[in-house]
Amino acid sequence: VMSDPDVALEVHAREERGVDPESVGDPIGAATSSFGAFGVGAIL
C-alpha cells in the first residue's frame, strides 16, 4: 500500500480516520437538487 503515495493516502484516510475521499459530494449539485426537489414538492 505504501509503495503508491495516492493509494497510501486513500487507504490511511479510510483505515485511520474513517474518511472516504471519494464520498465527498458537490455542494452546488447538492444545493441545486435540494432546490428542485423542494420546489416540485411545494408546487404540486
PDB file of all heavy atoms in Angstrom:
ATOM      1  N   VAL A   1       0.840  -1.200   0.000  1.00  0.00           N
ATOM      2  CA  VAL A   1       0.000   0.000   0.000  1.00  0.00           C
ATOM      3  C   VAL A   1       0.874   1.249   0.000  1.00  0.00           C
ATOM      4  O   VAL A   1       0.631   2.202  -0.741  1.00  0.00           O
ATOM      5  CB  VAL A   1      -0.962   0.002   1.217  1.00  0.00           C
ATOM      6  CG1 VAL A   1      -1.595   1.366   1.414  1.00  0.00           C
ATOM      7  CG2 VAL A   1      -2.021  -1.075   1.068  1.00  0.00           C
ATOM      8  N   MET A   2       1.911   1.246   0.807  1.00  0.00           N
ATOM      9  CA  MET A   2       2.775   2.421   0.946  1.00  0.00           C
ATOM     10  C   MET A   2       3.603   2.692  -0.304  1.00  0.00           C
ATOM     11  O   MET A   2       4.125   3.791  -0.471  1.00  0.00           O
ATOM     12  CB  MET A   2       3.699   2.251   2.158  1.00  0.00           C
ATOM     13  CG  MET A   2       2.983   2.215   3.493  1.00  0.00           C
ATOM     14  SD  MET A   2       2.139   3.742   3.902  1.00  0.00           S
ATOM     15  CE  MET A   2       3.554   4.789   4.242  1.00  0.00           C
ATOM     16  N   SER A   3       3.729   1.728  -1.202  1.00  0.00           N
ATOM     17  CA  SER A   3       4.550   1.923  -2.398  1.00  0.00           C
ATOM     18  C   SER A   3       3.931   2.920  -3.383  1.00  0.00           C
ATOM     19  O   SER A   3       4.628   3.465  -4.229  1.00  0.00           O
ATOM     20  CB  SER A   3       4.814   0.583  -3.091  1.00  0.00           C
ATOM     21  OG  SER A   3       3.609   0.083  -3.647  1.00  0.00           O
ATOM     22  N   ASP A   4       2.651   3.163  -3.280  1.00  0.00           N
ATOM     23  CA  ASP A   4       1.983   4.147  -4.144  1.00  0.00           C
ATOM     24  C   ASP A   4       1.417   5.250  -3.251  1.00  0.00           C
ATOM     25  O   ASP A   4       0.487   5.007  -2.481  1.00  0.00           O
ATOM     26  CB  ASP A   4       0.857   3.471  -4.939  1.00  0.00           C
ATOM     27  CG  ASP A   4       0.161   4.417  -5.901  1.00  0.00           C
ATOM     28  OD1 ASP A   4       0.105   5.638  -5.632  1.00  0.00           O
ATOM     29  OD2 ASP A   4      -0.340   3.926  -6.927  1.00  0.00           O
ATOM     30  N   PRO A   5       1.972   6.475  -3.338  1.00  0.00           N
ATOM     31  CA  PRO A   5       1.544   7.550  -2.429  1.00  0.00           C
ATOM     32  C   PRO A   5       0.041   7.851  -2.477  1.00  0.00           C
ATOM     33  O   PRO A   5      -0.559   8.132  -1.443  1.00  0.00           O
ATOM     34  CB  PRO A   5       2.356   8.758  -2.903  1.00  0.00           C
ATOM     35  CG  PRO A   5       3.534   8.184  -3.609  1.00  0.00           C
ATOM     36  CD  PRO A   5       3.068   6.898  -4.206  1.00  0.00           C
ATOM     37  N   ASP A   6      -0.567   7.786  -3.660  1.00  0.00           N
ATOM     38  CA  ASP A   6      -2.007   8.065  -3.757  1.00  0.00           C
ATOM     39  C   ASP A   6      -2.835   6.983  -3.069  1.00  0.00           C
ATOM     40  O   ASP A   6      -3.782   7.276  -2.346  1.00  0.00           O
ATOM     41  CB  ASP A   6      -2.444   8.201  -5.223  1.00  0.00           C
ATOM     42  CG  ASP A   6      -1.860   9.444  -5.889  1.00  0.00           C
ATOM     43  OD1 ASP A   6      -1.586  10.426  -5.170  1.00  0.00           O
ATOM     44  OD2 ASP A   6      -1.679   9.420  -7.126  1.00  0.00           O
ATOM     45  N   VAL A   7      -2.455   5.738  -3.301  1.00  0.00           N
ATOM     46  CA  VAL A   7      -3.146   4.618  -2.647  1.00  0.00           C
ATOM     47  C   VAL A   7      -2.921   4.690  -1.139  1.00  0.00           C
ATOM     48  O   VAL A   7      -3.856   4.495  -0.356  1.00  0.00           O
ATOM     49  CB  VAL A   7      -2.668   3.261  -3.215  1.00  0.00           C
ATOM     50  CG1 VAL A   7      -3.226   2.100  -2.412  1.00  0.00           C
ATOM     51  CG2 VAL A   7      -3.063   3.131  -4.684  1.00  0.00           C
ATOM     52  N   ALA A   8      -1.697   4.996  -0.739  1.00  0.00           N
ATOM     53  CA  ALA A   8      -1.387   5.081   0.694  1.00  0.00           C
ATOM     54  C   ALA A   8      -2.260   6.132   1.362  1.00  0.00           C
ATOM     55  O   ALA A   8      -2.831   5.890   2.434  1.00  0.00           O
ATOM     56  CB  ALA A   8       0.090   5.404   0.894  1.00  0.00           C
ATOM     57  N   LEU A   9      -2.392   7.303   0.735  1.00  0.00           N
ATOM     58  CA  LEU A   9      -3.216   8.366   1.319  1.00  0.00           C
ATOM     59  C   LEU A   9      -4.670   7.913   1.441  1.00  0.00           C
ATOM     60  O   LEU A   9      -5.301   8.086   2.483  1.00  0.00           O
ATOM     61  CB  LEU A   9      -3.126   9.640   0.477  1.00  0.00           C
ATOM     62  CG  LEU A   9      -3.991  10.801   0.961  1.00  0.00           C
ATOM     63  CD1 LEU A   9      -3.593  11.226   2.376  1.00  0.00           C
ATOM     64  CD2 LEU A   9      -3.898  11.964  -0.014  1.00  0.00           C
ATOM     65  N   GLU A  10      -5.191   7.317   0.392  1.00  0.00           N
ATOM     66  CA  GLU A  10      -6.592   6.877   0.414  1.00  0.00           C
ATOM     67  C   GLU A  10      -6.818   5.800   1.466  1.00  0.00           C
ATOM     68  O   GLU A  10      -7.780   5.868   2.240  1.00  0.00           O
ATOM     69  CB  GLU A  10      -7.005   6.357  -0.960  1.00  0.00           C
ATOM     70  CG  GLU A  10      -8.450   5.948  -1.014  1.00  0.00           C
ATOM     71  CD  GLU A  10      -8.884   5.460  -2.386  1.00  0.00           C
ATOM     72  OE1 GLU A  10      -8.271   5.851  -3.396  1.00  0.00           O
ATOM     73  OE2 GLU A  10      -9.850   4.676  -2.429  1.00  0.00           O
ATOM     74  N   VAL A  11      -5.932   4.812   1.529  1.00  0.00           N
ATOM     75  CA  VAL A  11      -6.096   3.712   2.479  1.00  0.00           C
ATOM     76  C   VAL A  11      -5.944   4.214   3.918  1.00  0.00           C
ATOM     77  O   VAL A  11      -6.751   3.874   4.790  1.00  0.00           O
ATOM     78  CB  VAL A  11      -5.104   2.561   2.173  1.00  0.00           C
ATOM     79  CG1 VAL A  11      -5.094   1.539   3.301  1.00  0.00           C
ATOM     80  CG2 VAL A  11      -5.472   1.904   0.853  1.00  0.00           C
ATOM     81  N   HIS A  12      -4.941   5.041   4.166  1.00  0.00           N
ATOM     82  CA  HIS A  12      -4.754   5.580   5.522  1.00  0.00           C
ATOM     83  C   HIS A  12      -5.944   6.447   5.928  1.00  0.00           C
ATOM     84  O   HIS A  12      -6.383   6.399   7.081  1.00  0.00           O
ATOM     85  CB  HIS A  12      -3.446   6.373   5.627  1.00  0.00           C
ATOM     86  CG  HIS A  12      -2.253   5.508   5.820  1.00  0.00           C
ATOM     87  ND1 HIS A  12      -1.836   5.085   7.056  1.00  0.00           N
ATOM     88  CD2 HIS A  12      -1.387   4.967   4.925  1.00  0.00           C
ATOM     89  CE1 HIS A  12      -0.762   4.320   6.921  1.00  0.00           C
ATOM     90  NE2 HIS A  12      -0.470   4.242   5.633  1.00  0.00           N
ATOM     91  N   ALA A  13      -6.453   7.244   5.001  1.00  0.00           N
ATOM     92  CA  ALA A  13      -7.611   8.090   5.321  1.00  0.00           C
ATOM     93  C   ALA A  13      -8.808   7.226   5.714  1.00  0.00           C
ATOM     94  O   ALA A  13      -9.502   7.526   6.694  1.00  0.00           O
ATOM     95  CB  ALA A  13      -7.967   8.972   4.124  1.00  0.00           C
ATOM     96  N   ARG A  14      -9.019   6.151   4.985  1.00  0.00           N
ATOM     97  CA  ARG A  14     -10.147   5.258   5.292  1.00  0.00           C
ATOM     98  C   ARG A  14      -9.924   4.495   6.595  1.00  0.00           C
ATOM     99  O   ARG A  14     -10.806   4.413   7.440  1.00  0.00           O
ATOM    100  CB  ARG A  14     -10.365   4.258   4.165  1.00  0.00           C
ATOM    101  CG  ARG A  14     -10.948   4.832   2.911  1.00  0.00           C
ATOM    102  CD  ARG A  14     -11.040   3.726   1.842  1.00  0.00           C
ATOM    103  NE  ARG A  14     -11.176   4.263   0.520  1.00  0.00           N
ATOM    104  CZ  ARG A  14     -12.327   4.452  -0.095  1.00  0.00           C
ATOM    105  NH1 ARG A  14     -13.444   4.140   0.511  1.00  0.00           N
ATOM    106  NH2 ARG A  14     -12.372   4.944  -1.314  1.00  0.00           N
ATOM    107  N   GLU A  15      -8.746   3.892   6.719  1.00  0.00           N
ATOM    108  CA  GLU A  15      -8.479   2.993   7.835  1.00  0.00           C
ATOM    109  C   GLU A  15      -8.250   3.718   9.152  1.00  0.00           C
ATOM    110  O   GLU A  15      -8.718   3.270  10.191  1.00  0.00           O
ATOM    111  CB  GLU A  15      -7.273   2.097   7.515  1.00  0.00           C
ATOM    112  CG  GLU A  15      -7.461   1.187   6.332  1.00  0.00           C
ATOM    113  CD  GLU A  15      -8.532   0.133   6.530  1.00  0.00           C
ATOM    114  OE1 GLU A  15      -8.874  -0.191   7.690  1.00  0.00           O
ATOM    115  OE2 GLU A  15      -9.047  -0.371   5.525  1.00  0.00           O
ATOM    116  N   GLU A  16      -7.518   4.818   9.124  1.00  0.00           N
ATOM    117  CA  GLU A  16      -7.166   5.502  10.366  1.00  0.00           C
ATOM    118  C   GLU A  16      -8.172   6.583  10.743  1.00  0.00           C
ATOM    119  O   GLU A  16      -8.404   6.828  11.921  1.00  0.00           O
ATOM    120  CB  GLU A  16      -5.781   6.148  10.241  1.00  0.00           C
ATOM    121  CG  GLU A  16      -4.651   5.147  10.204  1.00  0.00           C
ATOM    122  CD  GLU A  16      -3.296   5.835  10.097  1.00  0.00           C
ATOM    123  OE1 GLU A  16      -3.144   6.958  10.623  1.00  0.00           O
ATOM    124  OE2 GLU A  16      -2.407   5.247   9.464  1.00  0.00           O
ATOM    125  N   ARG A  17      -8.713   7.253   9.770  1.00  0.00           N
ATOM    126  CA  ARG A  17      -9.555   8.415  10.052  1.00  0.00           C
ATOM    127  C   ARG A  17     -11.025   8.197   9.713  1.00  0.00           C
ATOM    128  O   ARG A  17     -11.851   9.050   9.999  1.00  0.00           O
ATOM    129  CB  ARG A  17      -9.023   9.633   9.319  1.00  0.00           C
ATOM    130  CG  ARG A  17      -7.603   9.941   9.725  1.00  0.00           C
ATOM    131  CD  ARG A  17      -7.149  11.309   9.311  1.00  0.00           C
ATOM    132  NE  ARG A  17      -5.869  11.610   9.907  1.00  0.00           N
ATOM    133  CZ  ARG A  17      -5.705  12.175  11.088  1.00  0.00           C
ATOM    134  NH1 ARG A  17      -6.737  12.506  11.801  1.00  0.00           N
ATOM    135  NH2 ARG A  17      -4.498  12.410  11.561  1.00  0.00           N
ATOM    136  N   GLY A  18     -11.331   7.075   9.073  1.00  0.00           N
ATOM    137  CA  GLY A  18     -12.718   6.810   8.711  1.00  0.00           C
ATOM    138  C   GLY A  18     -13.248   7.756   7.657  1.00  0.00           C
ATOM    139  O   GLY A  18     -14.444   8.027   7.591  1.00  0.00           O
ATOM    140  N   VAL A  19     -12.354   8.267   6.815  1.00  0.00           N
ATOM    141  CA  VAL A  19     -12.727   9.242   5.796  1.00  0.00           C
ATOM    142  C   VAL A  19     -12.649   8.585   4.426  1.00  0.00           C
ATOM    143  O   VAL A  19     -11.652   7.970   4.080  1.00  0.00           O
ATOM    144  CB  VAL A  19     -11.764  10.458   5.845  1.00  0.00           C
ATOM    145  CG1 VAL A  19     -11.991  11.383   4.677  1.00  0.00           C
ATOM    146  CG2 VAL A  19     -11.916  11.187   7.166  1.00  0.00           C
ATOM    147  N   ASP A  20     -13.705   8.729   3.647  1.00  0.00           N
ATOM    148  CA  ASP A  20     -13.713   8.224   2.282  1.00  0.00           C
ATOM    149  C   ASP A  20     -13.541   9.405   1.335  1.00  0.00           C
ATOM    150  O   ASP A  20     -14.479  10.182   1.126  1.00  0.00           O
ATOM    151  CB  ASP A  20     -15.036   7.501   1.995  1.00  0.00           C
ATOM    152  CG  ASP A  20     -15.091   6.935   0.592  1.00  0.00           C
ATOM    153  OD1 ASP A  20     -14.112   7.073  -0.174  1.00  0.00           O
ATOM    154  OD2 ASP A  20     -16.140   6.348   0.248  1.00  0.00           O
ATOM    155  N   PRO A  21     -12.347   9.576   0.758  1.00  0.00           N
ATOM    156  CA  PRO A  21     -12.107  10.721  -0.112  1.00  0.00           C
ATOM    157  C   PRO A  21     -13.051  10.776  -1.318  1.00  0.00           C
ATOM    158  O   PRO A  21     -13.304  11.842  -1.854  1.00  0.00           O
ATOM    159  CB  PRO A  21     -10.664  10.532  -0.580  1.00  0.00           C
ATOM    160  CG  PRO A  21     -10.048   9.579   0.375  1.00  0.00           C
ATOM    161  CD  PRO A  21     -11.170   8.739   0.908  1.00  0.00           C
ATOM    162  N   GLU A  22     -13.565   9.634  -1.717  1.00  0.00           N
ATOM    163  CA  GLU A  22     -14.446   9.582  -2.891  1.00  0.00           C
ATOM    164  C   GLU A  22     -15.904   9.931  -2.567  1.00  0.00           C
ATOM    165  O   GLU A  22     -16.716  10.112  -3.466  1.00  0.00           O
ATOM    166  CB  GLU A  22     -14.405   8.183  -3.516  1.00  0.00           C
ATOM    167  CG  GLU A  22     -13.013   7.734  -3.922  1.00  0.00           C
ATOM    168  CD  GLU A  22     -12.396   8.641  -4.976  1.00  0.00           C
ATOM    169  OE1 GLU A  22     -13.113   9.041  -5.904  1.00  0.00           O
ATOM    170  OE2 GLU A  22     -11.200   8.949  -4.849  1.00  0.00           O
ATOM    171  N   SER A  23     -16.238   9.997  -1.272  1.00  0.00           N
ATOM    172  CA  SER A  23     -17.644  10.176  -0.904  1.00  0.00           C
ATOM    173  C   SER A  23     -18.061  11.635  -0.791  1.00  0.00           C
ATOM    174  O   SER A  23     -19.217  11.926  -0.527  1.00  0.00           O
ATOM    175  CB  SER A  23     -17.927   9.471   0.430  1.00  0.00           C
ATOM    176  OG  SER A  23     -17.305  10.186   1.482  1.00  0.00           O
ATOM    177  N   VAL A  24     -17.134  12.548  -0.991  1.00  0.00           N
ATOM    178  CA  VAL A  24     -17.458  13.958  -0.841  1.00  0.00           C
ATOM    179  C   VAL A  24     -18.318  14.402  -2.012  1.00  0.00           C
ATOM    180  O   VAL A  24     -17.991  14.166  -3.171  1.00  0.00           O
ATOM    181  CB  VAL A  24     -16.169  14.805  -0.763  1.00  0.00           C
ATOM    182  CG1 VAL A  24     -16.498  16.277  -0.664  1.00  0.00           C
ATOM    183  CG2 VAL A  24     -15.344  14.364   0.433  1.00  0.00           C
ATOM    184  N   GLY A  25     -19.433  15.027  -1.680  1.00  0.00           N
ATOM    185  CA  GLY A  25     -20.353  15.477  -2.709  1.00  0.00           C
ATOM    186  C   GLY A  25     -19.995  16.839  -3.265  1.00  0.00           C
ATOM    187  O   GLY A  25     -19.097  17.521  -2.784  1.00  0.00           O
ATOM    188  N   ASP A  26     -20.743  17.229  -4.280  1.00  0.00           N
ATOM    189  CA  ASP A  26     -20.586  18.529  -4.916  1.00  0.00           C
ATOM    190  C   ASP A  26     -21.581  19.496  -4.280  1.00  0.00           C
ATOM    191  O   ASP A  26     -22.794  19.295  -4.411  1.00  0.00           O
ATOM    192  CB  ASP A  26     -20.850  18.379  -6.421  1.00  0.00           C
ATOM    193  CG  ASP A  26     -20.984  19.702  -7.134  1.00  0.00           C
ATOM    194  OD1 ASP A  26     -20.352  20.688  -6.710  1.00  0.00           O
ATOM    195  OD2 ASP A  26     -21.729  19.752  -8.140  1.00  0.00           O
ATOM    196  N   PRO A  27     -21.119  20.536  -3.594  1.00  0.00           N
ATOM    197  CA  PRO A  27     -22.039  21.450  -2.909  1.00  0.00           C
ATOM    198  C   PRO A  27     -23.052  22.118  -3.853  1.00  0.00           C
ATOM    199  O   PRO A  27     -24.225  22.241  -3.519  1.00  0.00           O
ATOM    200  CB  PRO A  27     -21.123  22.494  -2.264  1.00  0.00           C
ATOM    201  CG  PRO A  27     -19.782  21.885  -2.230  1.00  0.00           C
ATOM    202  CD  PRO A  27     -19.717  20.888  -3.338  1.00  0.00           C
ATOM    203  N   ILE A  28     -22.606  22.521  -5.032  1.00  0.00           N
ATOM    204  CA  ILE A  28     -23.514  23.175  -5.987  1.00  0.00           C
ATOM    205  C   ILE A  28     -24.564  22.174  -6.477  1.00  0.00           C
ATOM    206  O   ILE A  28     -25.756  22.481  -6.546  1.00  0.00           O
ATOM    207  CB  ILE A  28     -22.733  23.766  -7.187  1.00  0.00           C
ATOM    208  CG1 ILE A  28     -21.722  24.816  -6.724  1.00  0.00           C
ATOM    209  CG2 ILE A  28     -23.670  24.328  -8.232  1.00  0.00           C
ATOM    210  CD1 ILE A  28     -22.309  26.099  -6.238  1.00  0.00           C
ATOM    211  N   GLY A  29     -24.125  20.975  -6.805  1.00  0.00           N
ATOM    212  CA  GLY A  29     -25.059  19.949  -7.257  1.00  0.00           C
ATOM    213  C   GLY A  29     -26.071  19.589  -6.183  1.00  0.00           C
ATOM    214  O   GLY A  29     -27.266  19.432  -6.453  1.00  0.00           O
ATOM    215  N   ALA A  30     -25.593  19.477  -4.936  1.00  0.00           N
ATOM    216  CA  ALA A  30     -26.488  19.151  -3.828  1.00  0.00           C
ATOM    217  C   ALA A  30     -27.503  20.264  -3.603  1.00  0.00           C
ATOM    218  O   ALA A  30     -28.690  20.008  -3.389  1.00  0.00           O
ATOM    219  CB  ALA A  30     -25.683  18.901  -2.555  1.00  0.00           C
ATOM    220  N   ALA A  31     -27.038  21.514  -3.672  1.00  0.00           N
ATOM    221  CA  ALA A  31     -27.937  22.655  -3.483  1.00  0.00           C
ATOM    222  C   ALA A  31     -28.975  22.717  -4.591  1.00  0.00           C
ATOM    223  O   ALA A  31     -30.166  22.954  -4.334  1.00  0.00           O
ATOM    224  CB  ALA A  31     -27.131  23.950  -3.433  1.00  0.00           C
ATOM    225  N   THR A  32     -28.547  22.481  -5.821  1.00  0.00           N
ATOM    226  CA  THR A  32     -29.469  22.516  -6.958  1.00  0.00           C
ATOM    227  C   THR A  32     -30.519  21.421  -6.840  1.00  0.00           C
ATOM    228  O   THR A  32     -31.714  21.652  -7.058  1.00  0.00           O
ATOM    229  CB  THR A  32     -28.684  22.371  -8.278  1.00  0.00           C
ATOM    230  OG1 THR A  32     -27.727  23.431  -8.353  1.00  0.00           O
ATOM    231  CG2 THR A  32     -29.595  22.424  -9.485  1.00  0.00           C
ATOM    232  N   SER A  33     -30.087  20.225  -6.485  1.00  0.00           N
ATOM    233  CA  SER A  33     -31.024  19.111  -6.316  1.00  0.00           C
ATOM    234  C   SER A  33     -32.026  19.395  -5.204  1.00  0.00           C
ATOM    235  O   SER A  33     -33.225  19.120  -5.344  1.00  0.00           O
ATOM    236  CB  SER A  33     -30.273  17.824  -5.979  1.00  0.00           C
ATOM    237  OG  SER A  33     -29.457  17.443  -7.042  1.00  0.00           O
ATOM    238  N   SER A  34     -31.540  19.935  -4.100  1.00  0.00           N
ATOM    239  CA  SER A  34     -32.410  20.246  -2.984  1.00  0.00           C
ATOM    240  C   SER A  34     -33.429  21.312  -3.363  1.00  0.00           C
ATOM    241  O   SER A  34     -34.619  21.205  -3.049  1.00  0.00           O
ATOM    242  CB  SER A  34     -31.572  20.708  -1.792  1.00  0.00           C
ATOM    243  OG  SER A  34     -32.375  20.900  -0.668  1.00  0.00           O
ATOM    244  N   PHE A  35     -32.975  22.347  -4.061  1.00  0.00           N
ATOM    245  CA  PHE A  35     -33.872  23.411  -4.522  1.00  0.00           C
ATOM    246  C   PHE A  35     -34.962  22.823  -5.415  1.00  0.00           C
ATOM    247  O   PHE A  35     -36.150  23.099  -5.235  1.00  0.00           O
ATOM    248  CB  PHE A  35     -33.082  24.482  -5.294  1.00  0.00           C
ATOM    249  CG  PHE A  35     -33.906  25.646  -5.742  1.00  0.00           C
ATOM    250  CD1 PHE A  35     -34.013  26.771  -4.950  1.00  0.00           C
ATOM    251  CD2 PHE A  35     -34.590  25.620  -6.958  1.00  0.00           C
ATOM    252  CE1 PHE A  35     -34.787  27.860  -5.362  1.00  0.00           C
ATOM    253  CE2 PHE A  35     -35.357  26.689  -7.375  1.00  0.00           C
ATOM    254  CZ  PHE A  35     -35.462  27.817  -6.567  1.00  0.00           C
ATOM    255  N   GLY A  36     -34.559  21.989  -6.364  1.00  0.00           N
ATOM    256  CA  GLY A  36     -35.513  21.395  -7.295  1.00  0.00           C
ATOM    257  C   GLY A  36     -36.507  20.471  -6.618  1.00  0.00           C
ATOM    258  O   GLY A  36     -37.712  20.542  -6.880  1.00  0.00           O
ATOM    259  N   ALA A  37     -36.014  19.620  -5.737  1.00  0.00           N
ATOM    260  CA  ALA A  37     -36.903  18.681  -5.047  1.00  0.00           C
ATOM    261  C   ALA A  37     -37.913  19.422  -4.177  1.00  0.00           C
ATOM    262  O   ALA A  37     -39.103  19.093  -4.172  1.00  0.00           O
ATOM    263  CB  ALA A  37     -36.084  17.703  -4.204  1.00  0.00           C
ATOM    264  N   PHE A  38     -37.440  20.425  -3.446  1.00  0.00           N
ATOM    265  CA  PHE A  38     -38.350  21.202  -2.611  1.00  0.00           C
ATOM    266  C   PHE A  38     -39.367  21.934  -3.483  1.00  0.00           C
ATOM    267  O   PHE A  38     -40.556  21.965  -3.176  1.00  0.00           O
ATOM    268  CB  PHE A  38     -37.577  22.210  -1.747  1.00  0.00           C
ATOM    269  CG  PHE A  38     -38.455  22.909  -0.747  1.00  0.00           C
ATOM    270  CD1 PHE A  38     -38.582  22.415   0.536  1.00  0.00           C
ATOM    271  CD2 PHE A  38     -39.171  24.045  -1.096  1.00  0.00           C
ATOM    272  CE1 PHE A  38     -39.404  23.042   1.464  1.00  0.00           C
ATOM    273  CE2 PHE A  38     -39.992  24.684  -0.177  1.00  0.00           C
ATOM    274  CZ  PHE A  38     -40.111  24.182   1.103  1.00  0.00           C
ATOM    275  N   GLY A  39     -38.884  22.522  -4.577  1.00  0.00           N
ATOM    276  CA  GLY A  39     -39.774  23.261  -5.474  1.00  0.00           C
ATOM    277  C   GLY A  39     -40.876  22.390  -6.042  1.00  0.00           C
ATOM    278  O   GLY A  39     -42.049  22.788  -6.063  1.00  0.00           O
ATOM    279  N   VAL A  40     -40.534  21.207  -6.502  1.00  0.00           N
ATOM    280  CA  VAL A  40     -41.544  20.293  -7.055  1.00  0.00           C
ATOM    281  C   VAL A  40     -42.539  19.894  -5.968  1.00  0.00           C
ATOM    282  O   VAL A  40     -43.755  19.914  -6.180  1.00  0.00           O
ATOM    283  CB  VAL A  40     -40.875  19.045  -7.677  1.00  0.00           C
ATOM    284  CG1 VAL A  40     -41.902  17.971  -7.992  1.00  0.00           C
ATOM    285  CG2 VAL A  40     -40.113  19.435  -8.941  1.00  0.00           C
ATOM    286  N   GLY A  41     -42.001  19.542  -4.795  1.00  0.00           N
ATOM    287  CA  GLY A  41     -42.884  19.150  -3.698  1.00  0.00           C
ATOM    288  C   GLY A  41     -43.809  20.266  -3.253  1.00  0.00           C
ATOM    289  O   GLY A  41     -44.949  20.022  -2.860  1.00  0.00           O
ATOM    290  N   ALA A  42     -43.342  21.498  -3.342  1.00  0.00           N
ATOM    291  CA  ALA A  42     -44.157  22.625  -2.892  1.00  0.00           C
ATOM    292  C   ALA A  42     -45.149  23.100  -3.956  1.00  0.00           C
ATOM    293  O   ALA A  42     -46.213  23.621  -3.618  1.00  0.00           O
ATOM    294  CB  ALA A  42     -43.251  23.785  -2.480  1.00  0.00           C
ATOM    295  N   ILE A  43     -44.835  22.916  -5.219  1.00  0.00           N
ATOM    296  CA  ILE A  43     -45.737  23.416  -6.275  1.00  0.00           C
ATOM    297  C   ILE A  43     -46.940  22.493  -6.470  1.00  0.00           C
ATOM    298  O   ILE A  43     -48.032  22.961  -6.813  1.00  0.00           O
ATOM    299  CB  ILE A  43     -44.986  23.638  -7.614  1.00  0.00           C
ATOM    300  CG1 ILE A  43     -45.803  24.498  -8.587  1.00  0.00           C
ATOM    301  CG2 ILE A  43     -44.656  22.329  -8.299  1.00  0.00           C
ATOM    302  CD1 ILE A  43     -45.954  25.922  -8.199  1.00  0.00           C
ATOM    303  N   LEU A  44     -46.771  21.207  -6.239  1.00  0.00           N
ATOM    304  CA  LEU A  44     -47.867  20.264  -6.507  1.00  0.00           C
ATOM    305  C   LEU A  44     -49.167  20.622  -5.783  1.00  0.00           C
ATOM    306  O   LEU A  44     -50.216  20.725  -6.424  1.00  0.00           O
ATOM    307  CB  LEU A  44     -47.434  18.827  -6.192  1.00  0.00           C
ATOM    308  CG  LEU A  44     -46.420  18.225  -7.159  1.00  0.00           C
ATOM    309  CD1 LEU A  44     -45.986  16.850  -6.687  1.00  0.00           C
ATOM    310  CD2 LEU A  44     -46.984  18.158  -8.566  1.00  0.00           C
TER     311      LEU A  44
END
